[in-house]
Amino acid sequence: MAAMKPRTGDGPLEVVEEGRSIIMRVPLEGGGRLVVEIAASEAVELRDALEGVIK
């Protein structure tokens, strides 16, 4: 049986470039992280979409 590791904090929002991809790690309410791998063109689309709702 695998060892159970306690969650000691999931850390901040993190975005790193790995090879041709951009890896985004988003902390979730209740613990854990959402890990998303996107291309640079998709990151631009995401930025543009967010600019439309951020004031």
PDB file of N, CA and C in Angstrom:
ATOM      1  N   MET A   1       0.845  -1.171   0.000  1.00  0.00           N
ATOM      2  CA  MET A   1       0.000   0.000   0.000  1.00  0.00           C
ATOM      3  C   MET A   1       0.892   1.236   0.000  1.00  0.00           C
ATOM      4  N   ALA A   2       0.519   2.223  -0.761  1.00  0.00           N
ATOM      5  CA  ALA A   2       1.312   3.452  -0.851  1.00  0.00           C
ATOM      6  C   ALA A   2       1.222   4.242   0.447  1.00  0.00           C
ATOM      7  N   ALA A   3       2.302   4.922   0.762  1.00  0.00           N
ATOM      8  CA  ALA A   3       2.333   5.745   1.971  1.00  0.00           C
ATOM      9  C   ALA A   3       1.434   6.964   1.788  1.00  0.00           C
ATOM     10  N   MET A   4       0.722   7.297   2.819  1.00  0.00           N
ATOM     11  CA  MET A   4      -0.129   8.485   2.790  1.00  0.00           C
ATOM     12  C   MET A   4       0.706   9.682   3.206  1.00  0.00           C
ATOM     13  N   LYS A   5       0.701  10.714   2.400  1.00  0.00           N
ATOM     14  CA  LYS A   5       1.460  11.914   2.722  1.00  0.00           C
ATOM     15  C   LYS A   5       0.479  13.018   3.103  1.00  0.00           C
ATOM     16  N   PRO A   6       0.731  13.711   4.193  1.00  0.00           N
ATOM     17  CA  PRO A   6      -0.180  14.798   4.567  1.00  0.00           C
ATOM     18  C   PRO A   6      -0.047  15.975   3.625  1.00  0.00           C
ATOM     19  N   ARG A   7      -1.142  16.668   3.401  1.00  0.00           N
ATOM     20  CA  ARG A   7      -1.096  17.886   2.583  1.00  0.00           C
ATOM     21  C   ARG A   7      -0.632  19.015   3.482  1.00  0.00           C
ATOM     22  N   THR A   8       0.497  19.572   3.142  1.00  0.00           N
ATOM     23  CA  THR A   8       1.057  20.637   3.975  1.00  0.00           C
ATOM     24  C   THR A   8       0.958  21.981   3.274  1.00  0.00           C
ATOM     25  N   GLY A   9       0.027  22.118   2.408  1.00  0.00           N
ATOM     26  CA  GLY A   9      -0.130  23.355   1.643  1.00  0.00           C
ATOM     27  C   GLY A   9       0.141  23.068   0.186  1.00  0.00           C
ATOM     28  N   ASP A  10      -0.643  23.636  -0.649  1.00  0.00           N
ATOM     29  CA  ASP A  10      -0.541  23.332  -2.064  1.00  0.00           C
ATOM     30  C   ASP A  10       0.229  24.387  -2.841  1.00  0.00           C
ATOM     31  N   GLY A  11       0.630  25.441  -2.163  1.00  0.00           N
ATOM     32  CA  GLY A  11       1.465  26.433  -2.807  1.00  0.00           C
ATOM     33  C   GLY A  11       0.685  27.449  -3.618  1.00  0.00           C
ATOM     34  N   PRO A  12       1.402  28.432  -4.131  1.00  0.00           N
ATOM     35  CA  PRO A  12       0.768  29.511  -4.893  1.00  0.00           C
ATOM     36  C   PRO A  12       0.511  29.104  -6.340  1.00  0.00           C
ATOM     37  N   LEU A  13      -0.180  29.969  -7.057  1.00  0.00           N
ATOM     38  CA  LEU A  13      -0.327  29.809  -8.504  1.00  0.00           C
ATOM     39  C   LEU A  13       1.074  29.801  -9.107  1.00  0.00           C
ATOM     40  N   GLU A  14       1.331  28.878  -9.993  1.00  0.00           N
ATOM     41  CA  GLU A  14       2.670  28.746 -10.573  1.00  0.00           C
ATOM     42  C   GLU A  14       2.549  28.521 -12.075  1.00  0.00           C
ATOM     43  N   VAL A  15       3.357  29.220 -12.844  1.00  0.00           N
ATOM     44  CA  VAL A  15       3.388  29.038 -14.295  1.00  0.00           C
ATOM     45  C   VAL A  15       4.842  28.931 -14.717  1.00  0.00           C
ATOM     46  N   VAL A  16       5.182  27.835 -15.407  1.00  0.00           N
ATOM     47  CA  VAL A  16       6.553  27.620 -15.867  1.00  0.00           C
ATOM     48  C   VAL A  16       6.538  27.163 -17.317  1.00  0.00           C
ATOM     49  N   GLU A  17       7.628  27.436 -18.003  1.00  0.00           N
ATOM     50  CA  GLU A  17       7.783  26.984 -19.384  1.00  0.00           C
ATOM     51  C   GLU A  17       8.633  25.729 -19.369  1.00  0.00           C
ATOM     52  N   GLU A  18       8.116  24.683 -19.975  1.00  0.00           N
ATOM     53  CA  GLU A  18       8.835  23.409 -20.070  1.00  0.00           C
ATOM     54  C   GLU A  18       8.819  22.974 -21.524  1.00  0.00           C
ATOM     55  N   GLY A  19       9.965  23.096 -22.161  1.00  0.00           N
ATOM     56  CA  GLY A  19      10.036  22.755 -23.578  1.00  0.00           C
ATOM     57  C   GLY A  19       9.162  23.680 -24.390  1.00  0.00           C
ATOM     58  N   ARG A  20       8.268  23.115 -25.189  1.00  0.00           N
ATOM     59  CA  ARG A  20       7.361  23.926 -26.015  1.00  0.00           C
ATOM     60  C   ARG A  20       6.048  24.238 -25.321  1.00  0.00           C
ATOM     61  N   SER A  21       5.881  23.750 -24.111  1.00  0.00           N
ATOM     62  CA  SER A  21       4.614  23.922 -23.397  1.00  0.00           C
ATOM     63  C   SER A  21       4.756  24.888 -22.236  1.00  0.00           C
ATOM     64  N   ILE A  22       3.624  25.387 -21.797  1.00  0.00           N
ATOM     65  CA  ILE A  22       3.530  26.198 -20.594  1.00  0.00           C
ATOM     66  C   ILE A  22       2.707  25.370 -19.603  1.00  0.00           C
ATOM     67  N   ILE A  23       3.253  25.175 -18.407  1.00  0.00           N
ATOM     68  CA  ILE A  23       2.590  24.392 -17.373  1.00  0.00           C
ATOM     69  C   ILE A  23       2.063  25.365 -16.325  1.00  0.00           C
ATOM     70  N   MET A  24       0.761  25.294 -16.069  1.00  0.00           N
ATOM     71  CA  MET A  24       0.128  26.164 -15.090  1.00  0.00           C
ATOM     72  C   MET A  24      -0.418  25.282 -13.972  1.00  0.00           C
ATOM     73  N   ARG A  25      -0.033  25.611 -12.731  1.00  0.00           N
ATOM     74  CA  ARG A  25      -0.512  24.874 -11.559  1.00  0.00           C
ATOM     75  C   ARG A  25      -1.356  25.837 -10.721  1.00  0.00           C
ATOM     76  N   VAL A  26      -2.625  25.526 -10.603  1.00  0.00           N
ATOM     77  CA  VAL A  26      -3.585  26.397  -9.927  1.00  0.00           C
ATOM     78  C   VAL A  26      -4.057  25.702  -8.652  1.00  0.00           C
ATOM     79  N   PRO A  27      -3.826  26.324  -7.475  1.00  0.00           N
ATOM     80  CA  PRO A  27      -4.321  25.715  -6.232  1.00  0.00           C
ATOM     81  C   PRO A  27      -5.853  25.733  -6.215  1.00  0.00           C
ATOM     82  N   LEU A  28      -6.433  24.660  -5.699  1.00  0.00           N
ATOM     83  CA  LEU A  28      -7.889  24.536  -5.646  1.00  0.00           C
ATOM     84  C   LEU A  28      -8.387  24.670  -4.222  1.00  0.00           C
ATOM     85  N   GLU A  29      -9.570  25.221  -4.083  1.00  0.00           N
ATOM     86  CA  GLU A  29     -10.189  25.315  -2.769  1.00  0.00           C
ATOM     87  C   GLU A  29     -10.428  23.903  -2.253  1.00  0.00           C
ATOM     88  N   GLY A  30     -10.049  23.657  -1.028  1.00  0.00           N
ATOM     89  CA  GLY A  30     -10.213  22.335  -0.455  1.00  0.00           C
ATOM     90  C   GLY A  30      -8.976  21.464  -0.603  1.00  0.00           C
ATOM     91  N   GLY A  31      -7.957  21.966  -1.263  1.00  0.00           N
ATOM     92  CA  GLY A  31      -6.699  21.230  -1.397  1.00  0.00           C
ATOM     93  C   GLY A  31      -6.485  20.706  -2.796  1.00  0.00           C
ATOM     94  N   GLY A  32      -5.260  20.438  -3.097  1.00  0.00           N
ATOM     95  CA  GLY A  32      -4.886  19.930  -4.408  1.00  0.00           C
ATOM     96  C   GLY A  32      -4.582  21.054  -5.378  1.00  0.00           C
ATOM     97  N   ARG A  33      -4.161  20.666  -6.563  1.00  0.00           N
ATOM     98  CA  ARG A  33      -3.830  21.631  -7.601  1.00  0.00           C
ATOM     99  C   ARG A  33      -4.338  21.131  -8.932  1.00  0.00           C
ATOM    100  N   LEU A  34      -4.779  22.063  -9.738  1.00  0.00           N
ATOM    101  CA  LEU A  34      -5.152  21.775 -11.113  1.00  0.00           C
ATOM    102  C   LEU A  34      -3.922  22.046 -11.959  1.00  0.00           C
ATOM    103  N   VAL A  35      -3.462  21.047 -12.700  1.00  0.00           N
ATOM    104  CA  VAL A  35      -2.281  21.202 -13.548  1.00  0.00           C
ATOM    105  C   VAL A  35      -2.745  21.192 -15.000  1.00  0.00           C
ATOM    106  N   VAL A  36      -2.399  22.286 -15.723  1.00  0.00           N
ATOM    107  CA  VAL A  36      -2.829  22.445 -17.109  1.00  0.00           C
ATOM    108  C   VAL A  36      -1.601  22.672 -17.968  1.00  0.00           C
ATOM    109  N   GLU A  37      -1.498  21.925 -19.056  1.00  0.00           N
ATOM    110  CA  GLU A  37      -0.420  22.112 -20.026  1.00  0.00           C
ATOM    111  C   GLU A  37      -1.021  22.768 -21.260  1.00  0.00           C
ATOM    112  N   ILE A  38      -0.488  23.942 -21.626  1.00  0.00           N
ATOM    113  CA  ILE A  38      -1.020  24.675 -22.768  1.00  0.00           C
ATOM    114  C   ILE A  38       0.116  25.143 -23.665  1.00  0.00           C
ATOM    115  N   ALA A  39      -0.209  25.380 -24.910  1.00  0.00           N
ATOM    116  CA  ALA A  39       0.747  25.925 -25.872  1.00  0.00           C
ATOM    117  C   ALA A  39       0.769  27.443 -25.723  1.00  0.00           C
ATOM    118  N   ALA A  40       1.799  28.086 -26.251  1.00  0.00           N
ATOM    119  CA  ALA A  40       1.924  29.540 -26.164  1.00  0.00           C
ATOM    120  C   ALA A  40       0.723  30.236 -26.801  1.00  0.00           C
ATOM    121  N   SER A  41       0.245  29.739 -27.919  1.00  0.00           N
ATOM    122  CA  SER A  41      -0.916  30.361 -28.574  1.00  0.00           C
ATOM    123  C   SER A  41      -2.158  30.262 -27.698  1.00  0.00           C
ATOM    124  N   GLU A  42      -2.315  29.156 -26.977  1.00  0.00           N
ATOM    125  CA  GLU A  42      -3.450  29.007 -26.065  1.00  0.00           C
ATOM    126  C   GLU A  42      -3.311  29.948 -24.871  1.00  0.00           C
ATOM    127  N   ALA A  43      -2.082  30.190 -24.423  1.00  0.00           N
ATOM    128  CA  ALA A  43      -1.843  31.128 -23.326  1.00  0.00           C
ATOM    129  C   ALA A  43      -2.248  32.537 -23.736  1.00  0.00           C
ATOM    130  N   VAL A  44      -1.979  32.906 -24.977  1.00  0.00           N
ATOM    131  CA  VAL A  44      -2.375  34.220 -25.483  1.00  0.00           C
ATOM    132  C   VAL A  44      -3.898  34.325 -25.500  1.00  0.00           C
ATOM    133  N   GLU A  45      -4.572  33.277 -25.943  1.00  0.00           N
ATOM    134  CA  GLU A  45      -6.036  33.269 -25.956  1.00  0.00           C
ATOM    135  C   GLU A  45      -6.594  33.380 -24.537  1.00  0.00           C
ATOM    136  N   LEU A  46      -5.970  32.685 -23.591  1.00  0.00           N
ATOM    137  CA  LEU A  46      -6.398  32.751 -22.193  1.00  0.00           C
ATOM    138  C   LEU A  46      -6.213  34.162 -21.645  1.00  0.00           C
ATOM    139  N   ARG A  47      -5.068  34.782 -21.936  1.00  0.00           N
ATOM    140  CA  ARG A  47      -4.811  36.155 -21.498  1.00  0.00           C
ATOM    141  C   ARG A  47      -5.877  37.102 -22.047  1.00  0.00           C
ATOM    142  N   ASP A  48      -6.163  36.975 -23.327  1.00  0.00           N
ATOM    143  CA  ASP A  48      -7.159  37.847 -23.955  1.00  0.00           C
ATOM    144  C   ASP A  48      -8.540  37.650 -23.338  1.00  0.00           C
ATOM    145  N   ALA A  49      -8.889  36.415 -23.047  1.00  0.00           N
ATOM    146  CA  ALA A  49     -10.193  36.130 -22.433  1.00  0.00           C
ATOM    147  C   ALA A  49     -10.270  36.710 -21.024  1.00  0.00           C
ATOM    148  N   LEU A  50      -9.178  36.608 -20.264  1.00  0.00           N
ATOM    149  CA  LEU A  50      -9.163  37.145 -18.905  1.00  0.00           C
ATOM    150  C   LEU A  50      -9.207  38.670 -18.895  1.00  0.00           C
ATOM    151  N   GLU A  51      -8.550  39.294 -19.860  1.00  0.00           N
ATOM    152  CA  GLU A  51      -8.570  40.758 -19.932  1.00  0.00           C
ATOM    153  C   GLU A  51      -9.980  41.288 -20.123  1.00  0.00           C
ATOM    154  N   GLY A  52     -10.832  40.485 -20.731  1.00  0.00           N
ATOM    155  CA  GLY A  52     -12.210  40.898 -20.948  1.00  0.00           C
ATOM    156  C   GLY A  52     -13.053  40.950 -19.688  1.00  0.00           C
ATOM    157  N   VAL A  53     -12.618  40.252 -18.626  1.00  0.00           N
ATOM    158  CA  VAL A  53     -13.404  40.226 -17.396  1.00  0.00           C
ATOM    159  C   VAL A  53     -12.697  40.859 -16.206  1.00  0.00           C
ATOM    160  N   ILE A  54     -11.415  41.155 -16.340  1.00  0.00           N
ATOM    161  CA  ILE A  54     -10.674  41.776 -15.242  1.00  0.00           C
ATOM    162  C   ILE A  54     -10.747  43.284 -15.390  1.00  0.00           C
ATOM    163  N   LYS A  55     -11.057  43.961 -14.305  1.00  0.00           N
ATOM    164  CA  LYS A  55     -11.185  45.422 -14.358  1.00  0.00           C
ATOM    165  C   LYS A  55     -10.151  46.084 -13.505  1.00  0.00           C
TER     166      LYS A  55
END
